[in-house]
Amino acid sequence: MHLRRTTAGAACLAALLTALATGGPAETKPRPTKPKPNLGVVEVLGVPAEVQAGGRFAVKVLLGNHGTAAAPRTRLSLLLSRDTKPSGDDLAAGRARVPRIDSGGVKTVAAPAVAKASASGSYHVVACVKAGRQRNCQASRSTIRVLHPVNGVLSGTLDLYDSGELSLGASTTSWNRYVQTKISMGVSGRGTDIRVVDDSSSYSWLGDSTTTTSGSPECVTVRKDDEQLTGPFLVPGRTTSDLTGSASDPDLRSFRLTASMEYDVAGTLTSCNGTVPLQDHVEAVVVLELAQVSQSGGTTTYRVSGTFDSAGNRAPWDRIDGTLTFRSR
């Protein structure tokens, strides 16, 4: 019987003899690493502070190739994200072409974008670019606020109550006041440029006060006043209303209303010398801070969160009932 010697068998035998002679398998030379690009987003620059819903804007995206080979031409995409990471609820904002970038090179790409009409509030701008099979993304440090034009009416009824007693030296004053305001104000604008204008608002002021001054046991002075007036804030013959408003929050989470309310005083002053009739006309200023408490559909509801006088001090109203609502037109 004869054994045939094949070429493959001879090669295996040679390798075995070499291994036995050297004490191990034959060494193989490592294959050289193929140069590869590594394209990434370094930073997103030039993000505007505000943009109108549906409006266009642009950013600059700084790109860098940290690989060992040139990065070929590609595209980058822009997203509007509530946080700094891409996710399924992000809004597509735009795309831009990226030129070839050499190894170790950087380039700045101008990227146009659009804020979708459904966007509202603050977003980070996230730029993403393909790097081989991966996608590298980077979010802007600052945010962009997407604004919607505002056009609606702030309306409702507020009831203000105030009663108390105060003693100063020999005089003691007690009072009761009730004011009802019927508010109707037009609200329009966008961003921080929002106009809040009186539109047929009115009020009703009703009150009384008594001041007793003890000069001597034989002579006590008593003043009694009745306060009353009902009418519009925009007095006939005037061009400026006594009710003004403002809103600095683009999302209308708060309002500030300033009401200057005049009222007539009919009183009497009784002393040792008899009783004298008195008449006066008084103006009281109250500043109302409104805070959002609920939102449903196109209606937002507000309550009074603070009251102040014209000097910015806390106003003495004991209680304010009622709500105001904003409805879009």
C-alpha atoms as a PDB file:
ATOM      1  CA  MET A   1       0.000   0.000   0.000  1.00  0.00           C
ATOM      2  CA  HIS A   2       1.411   3.344  -1.044  1.00  0.00           C
ATOM      3  CA  LEU A   3       0.587   6.753   0.675  1.00  0.00           C
ATOM      4  CA  ARG A   4       0.226   9.765  -1.576  1.00  0.00           C
ATOM      5  CA  ARG A   5       1.804  12.944  -0.352  1.00  0.00           C
ATOM      6  CA  THR A   6      -0.291  16.034  -1.097  1.00  0.00           C
ATOM      7  CA  THR A   7       0.830  19.666  -1.218  1.00  0.00           C
ATOM      8  CA  ALA A   8      -1.509  20.576   1.685  1.00  0.00           C
ATOM      9  CA  GLY A   9      -0.121  17.727   3.735  1.00  0.00           C
ATOM     10  CA  ALA A  10       3.405  18.870   3.083  1.00  0.00           C
ATOM     11  CA  ALA A  11       2.546  22.393   4.218  1.00  0.00           C
ATOM     12  CA  CYS A  12       1.010  21.128   7.417  1.00  0.00           C
ATOM     13  CA  LEU A  13       4.028  18.922   8.069  1.00  0.00           C
ATOM     14  CA  ALA A  14       6.361  21.866   7.534  1.00  0.00           C
ATOM     15  CA  ALA A  15       4.397  24.003   9.954  1.00  0.00           C
ATOM     16  CA  LEU A  16       4.439  21.222  12.530  1.00  0.00           C
ATOM     17  CA  LEU A  17       8.199  20.755  12.241  1.00  0.00           C
ATOM     18  CA  THR A  18       8.694  24.534  12.595  1.00  0.00           C
ATOM     19  CA  ALA A  19       6.540  24.619  15.713  1.00  0.00           C
ATOM     20  CA  LEU A  20       8.451  21.769  17.266  1.00  0.00           C
ATOM     21  CA  ALA A  21      11.738  23.435  16.519  1.00  0.00           C
ATOM     22  CA  THR A  22      10.777  26.829  17.937  1.00  0.00           C
ATOM     23  CA  GLY A  23       8.588  25.642  20.753  1.00  0.00           C
ATOM     24  CA  GLY A  24       5.380  27.249  19.448  1.00  0.00           C
ATOM     25  CA  PRO A  25       3.273  28.059  16.399  1.00  0.00           C
ATOM     26  CA  ALA A  26       4.685  30.048  13.561  1.00  0.00           C
ATOM     27  CA  GLU A  27       4.304  33.856  13.975  1.00  0.00           C
ATOM     28  CA  THR A  28       1.909  35.747  11.683  1.00  0.00           C
ATOM     29  CA  LYS A  29       2.330  39.410  10.791  1.00  0.00           C
ATOM     30  CA  PRO A  30      -0.536  41.753  12.032  1.00  0.00           C
ATOM     31  CA  ARG A  31      -2.643  43.264   9.318  1.00  0.00           C
ATOM     32  CA  PRO A  32      -2.397  47.057   9.046  1.00  0.00           C
ATOM     33  CA  THR A  33      -5.426  49.017  10.366  1.00  0.00           C
ATOM     34  CA  LYS A  34      -7.489  50.634   7.646  1.00  0.00           C
ATOM     35  CA  PRO A  35      -7.807  54.414   8.079  1.00  0.00           C
ATOM     36  CA  LYS A  36     -11.360  55.469   9.032  1.00  0.00           C
ATOM     37  CA  PRO A  37     -13.133  58.823   9.424  1.00  0.00           C
ATOM     38  CA  ASN A  38     -14.813  59.835  12.694  1.00  0.00           C
ATOM     39  CA  LEU A  39     -17.137  62.757  12.033  1.00  0.00           C
ATOM     40  CA  GLY A  40     -18.926  64.439  14.938  1.00  0.00           C
ATOM     41  CA  VAL A  41     -20.799  67.601  15.963  1.00  0.00           C
ATOM     42  CA  VAL A  42     -18.611  69.814  18.136  1.00  0.00           C
ATOM     43  CA  GLU A  43     -21.117  72.588  18.941  1.00  0.00           C
ATOM     44  CA  VAL A  44     -24.361  74.193  17.774  1.00  0.00           C
ATOM     45  CA  LEU A  45     -23.968  77.979  17.578  1.00  0.00           C
ATOM     46  CA  GLY A  46     -26.107  81.035  16.841  1.00  0.00           C
ATOM     47  CA  VAL A  47     -29.377  79.742  18.283  1.00  0.00           C
ATOM     48  CA  PRO A  48     -31.875  82.660  18.384  1.00  0.00           C
ATOM     49  CA  ALA A  49     -33.720  83.354  21.622  1.00  0.00           C
ATOM     50  CA  GLU A  50     -37.181  83.387  20.020  1.00  0.00           C
ATOM     51  CA  VAL A  51     -38.933  82.388  16.825  1.00  0.00           C
ATOM     52  CA  GLN A  52     -42.574  82.512  15.802  1.00  0.00           C
ATOM     53  CA  ALA A  53     -44.345  79.178  15.326  1.00  0.00           C
ATOM     54  CA  GLY A  54     -44.036  78.276  11.656  1.00  0.00           C
ATOM     55  CA  GLY A  55     -41.156  80.732  11.265  1.00  0.00           C
ATOM     56  CA  ARG A  56     -37.701  80.191   9.821  1.00  0.00           C
ATOM     57  CA  PHE A  57     -34.351  80.568  11.557  1.00  0.00           C
ATOM     58  CA  ALA A  58     -30.756  79.405  11.063  1.00  0.00           C
ATOM     59  CA  VAL A  59     -27.924  78.044  13.201  1.00  0.00           C
ATOM     60  CA  LYS A  60     -24.256  77.276  12.647  1.00  0.00           C
ATOM     61  CA  VAL A  61     -22.980  73.769  13.306  1.00  0.00           C
ATOM     62  CA  LEU A  62     -19.287  73.224  14.060  1.00  0.00           C
ATOM     63  CA  LEU A  63     -18.168  69.786  12.814  1.00  0.00           C
ATOM     64  CA  GLY A  64     -14.901  67.953  13.446  1.00  0.00           C
ATOM     65  CA  ASN A  65     -13.319  64.842  11.938  1.00  0.00           C
ATOM     66  CA  HIS A  66     -11.333  63.024  14.627  1.00  0.00           C
ATOM     67  CA  GLY A  67     -10.628  59.975  12.458  1.00  0.00           C
ATOM     68  CA  THR A  68      -7.581  58.909  10.480  1.00  0.00           C
ATOM     69  CA  ALA A  69      -9.201  59.272   7.055  1.00  0.00           C
ATOM     70  CA  ALA A  70     -11.142  61.994   5.309  1.00  0.00           C
ATOM     71  CA  ALA A  71     -14.897  62.086   5.994  1.00  0.00           C
ATOM     72  CA  PRO A  72     -16.879  62.059   2.745  1.00  0.00           C
ATOM     73  CA  ARG A  73     -19.679  64.459   1.961  1.00  0.00           C
ATOM     74  CA  THR A  74     -22.866  63.794   3.937  1.00  0.00           C
ATOM     75  CA  ARG A  75     -25.871  65.528   5.487  1.00  0.00           C
ATOM     76  CA  LEU A  76     -26.726  66.725   8.963  1.00  0.00           C
ATOM     77  CA  SER A  77     -30.216  66.962  10.440  1.00  0.00           C
ATOM     78  CA  LEU A  78     -31.663  69.389  12.992  1.00  0.00           C
ATOM     79  CA  LEU A  79     -34.183  68.539  15.698  1.00  0.00           C
ATOM     80  CA  LEU A  80     -36.092  70.566  18.281  1.00  0.00           C
ATOM     81  CA  SER A  81     -35.834  68.681  21.569  1.00  0.00           C
ATOM     82  CA  ARG A  82     -37.223  69.398  25.045  1.00  0.00           C
ATOM     83  CA  ASP A  83     -34.011  67.964  26.501  1.00  0.00           C
ATOM     84  CA  THR A  84     -30.495  67.513  25.155  1.00  0.00           C
ATOM     85  CA  LYS A  85     -30.888  64.004  23.737  1.00  0.00           C
ATOM     86  CA  PRO A  86     -32.598  62.827  20.540  1.00  0.00           C
ATOM     87  CA  SER A  87     -35.885  61.023  21.211  1.00  0.00           C
ATOM     88  CA  GLY A  88     -39.090  59.994  19.466  1.00  0.00           C
ATOM     89  CA  ASP A  89     -41.031  63.119  20.442  1.00  0.00           C
ATOM     90  CA  ASP A  90     -38.488  65.546  18.919  1.00  0.00           C
ATOM     91  CA  LEU A  91     -39.585  67.754  16.037  1.00  0.00           C
ATOM     92  CA  ALA A  92     -37.698  67.692  12.733  1.00  0.00           C
ATOM     93  CA  ALA A  93     -36.427  71.215  12.022  1.00  0.00           C
ATOM     94  CA  GLY A  94     -34.149  71.047   8.962  1.00  0.00           C
ATOM     95  CA  ARG A  95     -31.237  69.521   7.015  1.00  0.00           C
ATOM     96  CA  ALA A  96     -27.973  70.761   5.544  1.00  0.00           C
ATOM     97  CA  ARG A  97     -25.161  69.465   3.346  1.00  0.00           C
ATOM     98  CA  VAL A  98     -21.793  68.698   4.906  1.00  0.00           C
ATOM     99  CA  PRO A  99     -18.704  68.939   2.651  1.00  0.00           C
ATOM    100  CA  ARG A 100     -15.732  66.573   2.713  1.00  0.00           C
ATOM    101  CA  ILE A 101     -13.640  67.088   5.852  1.00  0.00           C
ATOM    102  CA  ASP A 102     -10.031  65.919   6.020  1.00  0.00           C
ATOM    103  CA  SER A 103      -8.649  63.934   8.916  1.00  0.00           C
ATOM    104  CA  GLY A 104      -8.254  66.246  11.914  1.00  0.00           C
ATOM    105  CA  GLY A 105     -10.173  69.013  10.118  1.00  0.00           C
ATOM    106  CA  VAL A 106     -13.070  71.183  11.297  1.00  0.00           C
ATOM    107  CA  LYS A 107     -15.744  73.047   9.355  1.00  0.00           C
ATOM    108  CA  THR A 108     -18.685  75.302  10.203  1.00  0.00           C
ATOM    109  CA  VAL A 109     -21.899  74.586   8.302  1.00  0.00           C
ATOM    110  CA  ALA A 110     -24.814  77.042   8.098  1.00  0.00           C
ATOM    111  CA  ALA A 111     -28.029  75.109   8.616  1.00  0.00           C
ATOM    112  CA  PRO A 112     -31.493  76.571   7.849  1.00  0.00           C
ATOM    113  CA  ALA A 113     -34.404  75.458  10.029  1.00  0.00           C
ATOM    114  CA  VAL A 114     -38.149  75.857  10.521  1.00  0.00           C
ATOM    115  CA  ALA A 115     -40.114  75.790  13.773  1.00  0.00           C
ATOM    116  CA  LYS A 116     -43.220  73.736  13.066  1.00  0.00           C
ATOM    117  CA  ALA A 117     -46.610  75.286  13.737  1.00  0.00           C
ATOM    118  CA  SER A 118     -47.233  72.591  16.373  1.00  0.00           C
ATOM    119  CA  ALA A 119     -44.154  73.640  18.380  1.00  0.00           C
ATOM    120  CA  SER A 120     -44.659  75.701  21.534  1.00  0.00           C
ATOM    121  CA  GLY A 121     -42.374  76.603  24.420  1.00  0.00           C
ATOM    122  CA  SER A 122     -38.611  76.122  24.811  1.00  0.00           C
ATOM    123  CA  TYR A 123     -36.414  73.646  22.903  1.00  0.00           C
ATOM    124  CA  HIS A 124     -32.762  72.725  22.466  1.00  0.00           C
ATOM    125  CA  VAL A 125     -31.564  72.547  18.872  1.00  0.00           C
ATOM    126  CA  VAL A 126     -29.978  69.108  18.327  1.00  0.00           C
ATOM    127  CA  ALA A 127     -27.686  68.567  15.326  1.00  0.00           C
ATOM    128  CA  CYS A 128     -26.987  65.003  14.153  1.00  0.00           C
ATOM    129  CA  VAL A 129     -24.553  63.738  11.509  1.00  0.00           C
ATOM    130  CA  LYS A 130     -23.810  60.223  10.242  1.00  0.00           C
ATOM    131  CA  ALA A 131     -20.397  58.776  11.047  1.00  0.00           C
ATOM    132  CA  GLY A 132     -20.256  55.382   9.316  1.00  0.00           C
ATOM    133  CA  ARG A 133     -22.996  53.237  10.761  1.00  0.00           C
ATOM    134  CA  GLN A 134     -23.399  55.502  13.786  1.00  0.00           C
ATOM    135  CA  ARG A 135     -25.098  58.852  14.239  1.00  0.00           C
ATOM    136  CA  ASN A 136     -23.338  61.476  16.335  1.00  0.00           C
ATOM    137  CA  CYS A 137     -25.520  64.194  17.874  1.00  0.00           C
ATOM    138  CA  GLN A 138     -24.940  67.312  19.935  1.00  0.00           C
ATOM    139  CA  ALA A 139     -27.472  69.706  21.522  1.00  0.00           C
ATOM    140  CA  SER A 140     -27.197  73.468  21.736  1.00  0.00           C
ATOM    141  CA  ARG A 141     -26.310  74.931  25.096  1.00  0.00           C
ATOM    142  CA  SER A 142     -28.999  77.607  24.873  1.00  0.00           C
ATOM    143  CA  THR A 143     -32.671  77.107  24.042  1.00  0.00           C
ATOM    144  CA  ILE A 144     -35.014  78.668  21.521  1.00  0.00           C
ATOM    145  CA  ARG A 145     -38.541  79.676  22.529  1.00  0.00           C
ATOM    146  CA  VAL A 146     -41.248  79.073  19.941  1.00  0.00           C
ATOM    147  CA  LEU A 147     -43.937  81.740  20.192  1.00  0.00           C
ATOM    148  CA  HIS A 148     -47.542  81.750  19.070  1.00  0.00           C
ATOM    149  CA  PRO A 149     -49.425  84.949  18.253  1.00  0.00           C
ATOM    150  CA  VAL A 150     -51.896  85.814  21.025  1.00  0.00           C
ATOM    151  CA  ASN A 151     -55.370  87.140  20.284  1.00  0.00           C
ATOM    152  CA  GLY A 152     -58.156  86.748  22.826  1.00  0.00           C
ATOM    153  CA  VAL A 153     -60.176  88.174  25.708  1.00  0.00           C
ATOM    154  CA  LEU A 154     -59.473  88.151  29.450  1.00  0.00           C
ATOM    155  CA  SER A 155     -62.798  88.347  31.275  1.00  0.00           C
ATOM    156  CA  GLY A 156     -64.615  87.531  34.494  1.00  0.00           C
ATOM    157  CA  THR A 157     -65.792  88.966  37.814  1.00  0.00           C
ATOM    158  CA  LEU A 158     -63.718  89.648  40.923  1.00  0.00           C
ATOM    159  CA  ASP A 159     -65.221  90.511  44.344  1.00  0.00           C
ATOM    160  CA  LEU A 160     -62.973  92.388  46.778  1.00  0.00           C
ATOM    161  CA  TYR A 161     -63.706  92.570  50.526  1.00  0.00           C
ATOM    162  CA  ASP A 162     -62.054  94.684  53.207  1.00  0.00           C
ATOM    163  CA  SER A 163     -63.048  95.380  56.814  1.00  0.00           C
ATOM    164  CA  GLY A 164     -61.184  96.265  59.978  1.00  0.00           C
ATOM    165  CA  GLU A 165     -60.494  98.642  62.817  1.00  0.00           C
ATOM    166  CA  LEU A 166     -57.482 100.834  63.520  1.00  0.00           C
ATOM    167  CA  SER A 167     -56.644 102.944  66.566  1.00  0.00           C
ATOM    168  CA  LEU A 168     -54.190 105.838  66.424  1.00  0.00           C
ATOM    169  CA  GLY A 169     -53.862 107.885  69.596  1.00  0.00           C
ATOM    170  CA  ALA A 170     -57.294 109.167  70.602  1.00  0.00           C
ATOM    171  CA  SER A 171     -58.926 108.149  67.273  1.00  0.00           C
ATOM    172  CA  THR A 172     -60.412 104.803  66.274  1.00  0.00           C
ATOM    173  CA  THR A 173     -61.544 104.065  62.731  1.00  0.00           C
ATOM    174  CA  SER A 174     -63.608 101.092  61.608  1.00  0.00           C
ATOM    175  CA  TRP A 175     -64.585 100.313  57.999  1.00  0.00           C
ATOM    176  CA  ASN A 176     -66.324  97.879  55.675  1.00  0.00           C
ATOM    177  CA  ARG A 177     -65.819  97.897  51.900  1.00  0.00           C
ATOM    178  CA  TYR A 178     -67.017  95.749  49.043  1.00  0.00           C
ATOM    179  CA  VAL A 179     -65.947  96.196  45.418  1.00  0.00           C
ATOM    180  CA  GLN A 180     -67.094  94.186  42.436  1.00  0.00           C
ATOM    181  CA  THR A 181     -65.115  94.432  39.187  1.00  0.00           C
ATOM    182  CA  LYS A 182     -66.403  93.101  35.886  1.00  0.00           C
ATOM    183  CA  ILE A 183     -63.346  92.626  33.684  1.00  0.00           C
ATOM    184  CA  SER A 184     -63.218  92.471  29.888  1.00  0.00           C
ATOM    185  CA  MET A 185     -59.810  93.104  28.319  1.00  0.00           C
ATOM    186  CA  GLY A 186     -58.441  92.413  24.860  1.00  0.00           C
ATOM    187  CA  VAL A 187     -55.105  90.575  24.754  1.00  0.00           C
ATOM    188  CA  SER A 188     -52.951  90.547  21.606  1.00  0.00           C
ATOM    189  CA  GLY A 189     -49.325  90.277  20.499  1.00  0.00           C
ATOM    190  CA  ARG A 190     -46.537  87.734  20.816  1.00  0.00           C
ATOM    191  CA  GLY A 191     -43.507  87.018  22.976  1.00  0.00           C
ATOM    192  CA  THR A 192     -42.979  89.738  25.549  1.00  0.00           C
ATOM    193  CA  ASP A 193     -44.730  92.317  23.320  1.00  0.00           C
ATOM    194  CA  ILE A 194     -48.293  91.675  24.510  1.00  0.00           C
ATOM    195  CA  ARG A 195     -50.973  94.373  24.799  1.00  0.00           C
ATOM    196  CA  VAL A 196     -53.699  94.088  27.460  1.00  0.00           C
ATOM    197  CA  VAL A 197     -56.364  96.740  26.838  1.00  0.00           C
ATOM    198  CA  ASP A 198     -59.630  97.537  28.632  1.00  0.00           C
ATOM    199  CA  ASP A 199     -62.729  96.618  26.640  1.00  0.00           C
ATOM    200  CA  SER A 200     -65.870  97.857  28.484  1.00  0.00           C
ATOM    201  CA  SER A 201     -64.805  96.839  32.009  1.00  0.00           C
ATOM    202  CA  SER A 202     -66.698  98.316  34.981  1.00  0.00           C
ATOM    203  CA  TYR A 203     -66.792  98.335  38.779  1.00  0.00           C
ATOM    204  CA  SER A 204     -69.079  98.996  41.727  1.00  0.00           C
ATOM    205  CA  TRP A 205     -67.714 100.442  44.994  1.00  0.00           C
ATOM    206  CA  LEU A 206     -69.746 100.307  48.222  1.00  0.00           C
ATOM    207  CA  GLY A 207     -68.440 101.055  51.707  1.00  0.00           C
ATOM    208  CA  ASP A 208     -68.731 102.904  55.007  1.00  0.00           C
ATOM    209  CA  SER A 209     -66.352 104.065  57.709  1.00  0.00           C
ATOM    210  CA  THR A 210     -66.633 105.590  61.171  1.00  0.00           C
ATOM    211  CA  THR A 211     -63.922 107.545  62.973  1.00  0.00           C
ATOM    212  CA  THR A 212     -64.346 108.375  66.656  1.00  0.00           C
ATOM    213  CA  THR A 213     -62.031 110.885  68.338  1.00  0.00           C
ATOM    214  CA  SER A 214     -62.151 111.422  72.110  1.00  0.00           C
ATOM    215  CA  GLY A 215     -61.059 114.990  72.829  1.00  0.00           C
ATOM    216  CA  SER A 216     -62.517 115.030  76.335  1.00  0.00           C
ATOM    217  CA  PRO A 217     -65.193 113.077  78.229  1.00  0.00           C
ATOM    218  CA  GLU A 218     -67.678 115.859  77.513  1.00  0.00           C
ATOM    219  CA  CYS A 219     -66.928 116.144  73.778  1.00  0.00           C
ATOM    220  CA  VAL A 220     -66.519 113.216  71.397  1.00  0.00           C
ATOM    221  CA  THR A 221     -66.107 113.796  67.649  1.00  0.00           C
ATOM    222  CA  VAL A 222     -67.605 111.242  65.304  1.00  0.00           C
ATOM    223  CA  ARG A 223     -67.231 111.197  61.516  1.00  0.00           C
ATOM    224  CA  LYS A 224     -69.361 108.828  59.460  1.00  0.00           C
ATOM    225  CA  ASP A 225     -68.800 108.305  55.729  1.00  0.00           C
ATOM    226  CA  ASP A 226     -70.753 106.430  53.106  1.00  0.00           C
ATOM    227  CA  GLU A 227     -68.761 105.448  49.985  1.00  0.00           C
ATOM    228  CA  GLN A 228     -70.420 104.649  46.689  1.00  0.00           C
ATOM    229  CA  LEU A 229     -69.858 104.716  42.931  1.00  0.00           C
ATOM    230  CA  THR A 230     -70.757 102.479  39.997  1.00  0.00           C
ATOM    231  CA  GLY A 231     -69.438 103.043  36.517  1.00  0.00           C
ATOM    232  CA  PRO A 232     -67.072 102.077  33.697  1.00  0.00           C
ATOM    233  CA  PHE A 233     -63.297 102.205  34.000  1.00  0.00           C
ATOM    234  CA  LEU A 234     -63.188 104.174  30.778  1.00  0.00           C
ATOM    235  CA  VAL A 235     -64.940 107.345  31.903  1.00  0.00           C
ATOM    236  CA  PRO A 236     -66.962 109.064  29.144  1.00  0.00           C
ATOM    237  CA  GLY A 237     -64.995 111.928  27.640  1.00  0.00           C
ATOM    238  CA  ARG A 238     -61.619 110.348  28.431  1.00  0.00           C
ATOM    239  CA  THR A 239     -59.339 108.486  26.036  1.00  0.00           C
ATOM    240  CA  THR A 240     -57.436 106.455  28.643  1.00  0.00           C
ATOM    241  CA  SER A 241     -59.032 103.784  30.814  1.00  0.00           C
ATOM    242  CA  ASP A 242     -58.516 103.610  34.576  1.00  0.00           C
ATOM    243  CA  LEU A 243     -57.916  99.869  34.125  1.00  0.00           C
ATOM    244  CA  THR A 244     -54.604  98.834  32.541  1.00  0.00           C
ATOM    245  CA  GLY A 245     -52.933  95.475  32.124  1.00  0.00           C
ATOM    246  CA  SER A 246     -49.666  93.849  31.150  1.00  0.00           C
ATOM    247  CA  ALA A 247     -48.241  90.385  30.468  1.00  0.00           C
ATOM    248  CA  SER A 248     -44.501  89.721  30.207  1.00  0.00           C
ATOM    249  CA  ASP A 249     -44.689  85.925  29.967  1.00  0.00           C
ATOM    250  CA  PRO A 250     -45.007  84.623  26.365  1.00  0.00           C
ATOM    251  CA  ASP A 251     -46.950  81.613  27.681  1.00  0.00           C
ATOM    252  CA  LEU A 252     -49.461  83.874  29.509  1.00  0.00           C
ATOM    253  CA  ARG A 253     -48.949  82.174  32.852  1.00  0.00           C
ATOM    254  CA  SER A 254     -49.573  85.487  34.635  1.00  0.00           C
ATOM    255  CA  PHE A 255     -51.078  88.952  34.222  1.00  0.00           C
ATOM    256  CA  ARG A 256     -50.826  92.219  36.124  1.00  0.00           C
ATOM    257  CA  LEU A 257     -53.838  94.531  36.288  1.00  0.00           C
ATOM    258  CA  THR A 258     -53.856  98.053  37.737  1.00  0.00           C
ATOM    259  CA  ALA A 259     -57.271  99.482  38.630  1.00  0.00           C
ATOM    260  CA  SER A 260     -57.770 103.126  39.652  1.00  0.00           C
ATOM    261  CA  MET A 261     -61.224 103.302  41.215  1.00  0.00           C
ATOM    262  CA  GLU A 262     -62.815 106.623  42.131  1.00  0.00           C
ATOM    263  CA  TYR A 263     -65.763 106.861  44.524  1.00  0.00           C
ATOM    264  CA  ASP A 264     -67.931 109.529  46.129  1.00  0.00           C
ATOM    265  CA  VAL A 265     -68.019 110.105  49.880  1.00  0.00           C
ATOM    266  CA  ALA A 266     -71.086 111.538  51.626  1.00  0.00           C
ATOM    267  CA  GLY A 267     -70.582 111.945  55.356  1.00  0.00           C
ATOM    268  CA  THR A 268     -71.321 113.817  58.543  1.00  0.00           C
ATOM    269  CA  LEU A 269     -69.060 115.208  61.254  1.00  0.00           C
ATOM    270  CA  THR A 270     -70.680 115.360  64.683  1.00  0.00           C
ATOM    271  CA  SER A 271     -68.952 117.196  67.534  1.00  0.00           C
ATOM    272  CA  CYS A 272     -69.769 119.393  70.493  1.00  0.00           C
ATOM    273  CA  ASN A 273     -70.879 122.129  68.129  1.00  0.00           C
ATOM    274  CA  GLY A 274     -73.383 119.969  66.266  1.00  0.00           C
ATOM    275  CA  THR A 275     -73.410 118.064  62.965  1.00  0.00           C
ATOM    276  CA  VAL A 276     -71.854 119.203  59.683  1.00  0.00           C
ATOM    277  CA  PRO A 277     -72.423 117.477  56.292  1.00  0.00           C
ATOM    278  CA  LEU A 278     -69.309 116.471  54.329  1.00  0.00           C
ATOM    279  CA  GLN A 279     -68.656 115.504  50.721  1.00  0.00           C
ATOM    280  CA  ASP A 280     -65.506 114.165  49.056  1.00  0.00           C
ATOM    281  CA  HIS A 281     -64.274 112.348  45.973  1.00  0.00           C
ATOM    282  CA  VAL A 282     -61.543 109.739  46.514  1.00  0.00           C
ATOM    283  CA  GLU A 283     -59.407 107.563  44.230  1.00  0.00           C
ATOM    284  CA  ALA A 284     -58.063 104.170  45.306  1.00  0.00           C
ATOM    285  CA  VAL A 285     -55.477 102.211  43.323  1.00  0.00           C
ATOM    286  CA  VAL A 286     -55.151  98.438  43.516  1.00  0.00           C
ATOM    287  CA  VAL A 287     -52.660  96.292  41.598  1.00  0.00           C
ATOM    288  CA  LEU A 288     -53.741  92.689  41.036  1.00  0.00           C
ATOM    289  CA  GLU A 289     -51.302  89.892  40.245  1.00  0.00           C
ATOM    290  CA  LEU A 290     -53.020  87.044  38.386  1.00  0.00           C
ATOM    291  CA  ALA A 291     -51.590  83.515  38.314  1.00  0.00           C
ATOM    292  CA  GLN A 292     -52.660  80.642  36.059  1.00  0.00           C
ATOM    293  CA  VAL A 293     -54.451  77.875  37.947  1.00  0.00           C
ATOM    294  CA  SER A 294     -55.833  75.662  35.160  1.00  0.00           C
ATOM    295  CA  GLN A 295     -55.978  75.216  31.401  1.00  0.00           C
ATOM    296  CA  SER A 296     -58.495  73.309  29.328  1.00  0.00           C
ATOM    297  CA  GLY A 297     -58.689  73.493  25.553  1.00  0.00           C
ATOM    298  CA  GLY A 298     -58.558  77.118  24.525  1.00  0.00           C
ATOM    299  CA  THR A 299     -59.491  78.450  27.985  1.00  0.00           C
ATOM    300  CA  THR A 300     -57.022  79.410  30.720  1.00  0.00           C
ATOM    301  CA  THR A 301     -58.221  80.291  34.234  1.00  0.00           C
ATOM    302  CA  TYR A 302     -56.518  82.740  36.625  1.00  0.00           C
ATOM    303  CA  ARG A 303     -56.867  83.694  40.280  1.00  0.00           C
ATOM    304  CA  VAL A 304     -55.538  86.694  42.148  1.00  0.00           C
ATOM    305  CA  SER A 305     -52.225  85.722  43.757  1.00  0.00           C
ATOM    306  CA  GLY A 306     -51.313  89.115  45.233  1.00  0.00           C
ATOM    307  CA  THR A 307     -52.621  92.655  45.762  1.00  0.00           C
ATOM    308  CA  PHE A 308     -50.568  95.856  46.028  1.00  0.00           C
ATOM    309  CA  ASP A 309     -51.097  99.602  46.271  1.00  0.00           C
ATOM    310  CA  SER A 310     -49.664 102.211  43.909  1.00  0.00           C
ATOM    311  CA  ALA A 311     -46.407 102.307  45.912  1.00  0.00           C
ATOM    312  CA  GLY A 312     -45.881  98.553  45.615  1.00  0.00           C
ATOM    313  CA  ASN A 313     -46.876  97.780  49.221  1.00  0.00           C
ATOM    314  CA  ARG A 314     -49.226  94.968  50.107  1.00  0.00           C
ATOM    315  CA  ALA A 315     -52.816  96.154  49.753  1.00  0.00           C
ATOM    316  CA  PRO A 316     -55.152  95.593  52.723  1.00  0.00           C
ATOM    317  CA  TRP A 317     -57.894  93.645  50.950  1.00  0.00           C
ATOM    318  CA  ASP A 318     -58.925  90.746  53.176  1.00  0.00           C
ATOM    319  CA  ARG A 319     -60.355  88.504  50.488  1.00  0.00           C
ATOM    320  CA  ILE A 320     -60.780  88.397  46.729  1.00  0.00           C
ATOM    321  CA  ASP A 321     -63.228  85.925  45.230  1.00  0.00           C
ATOM    322  CA  GLY A 322     -63.726  84.958  41.623  1.00  0.00           C
ATOM    323  CA  THR A 323     -61.631  84.019  38.605  1.00  0.00           C
ATOM    324  CA  LEU A 324     -60.728  85.473  35.241  1.00  0.00           C
ATOM    325  CA  THR A 325     -60.467  83.410  32.068  1.00  0.00           C
ATOM    326  CA  PHE A 326     -58.568  83.932  28.854  1.00  0.00           C
ATOM    327  CA  ARG A 327     -60.169  82.656  25.657  1.00  0.00           C
ATOM    328  CA  SER A 328     -58.604  82.803  22.223  1.00  0.00           C
ATOM    329  CA  ARG A 329     -60.603  84.499  19.501  1.00  0.00           C
END
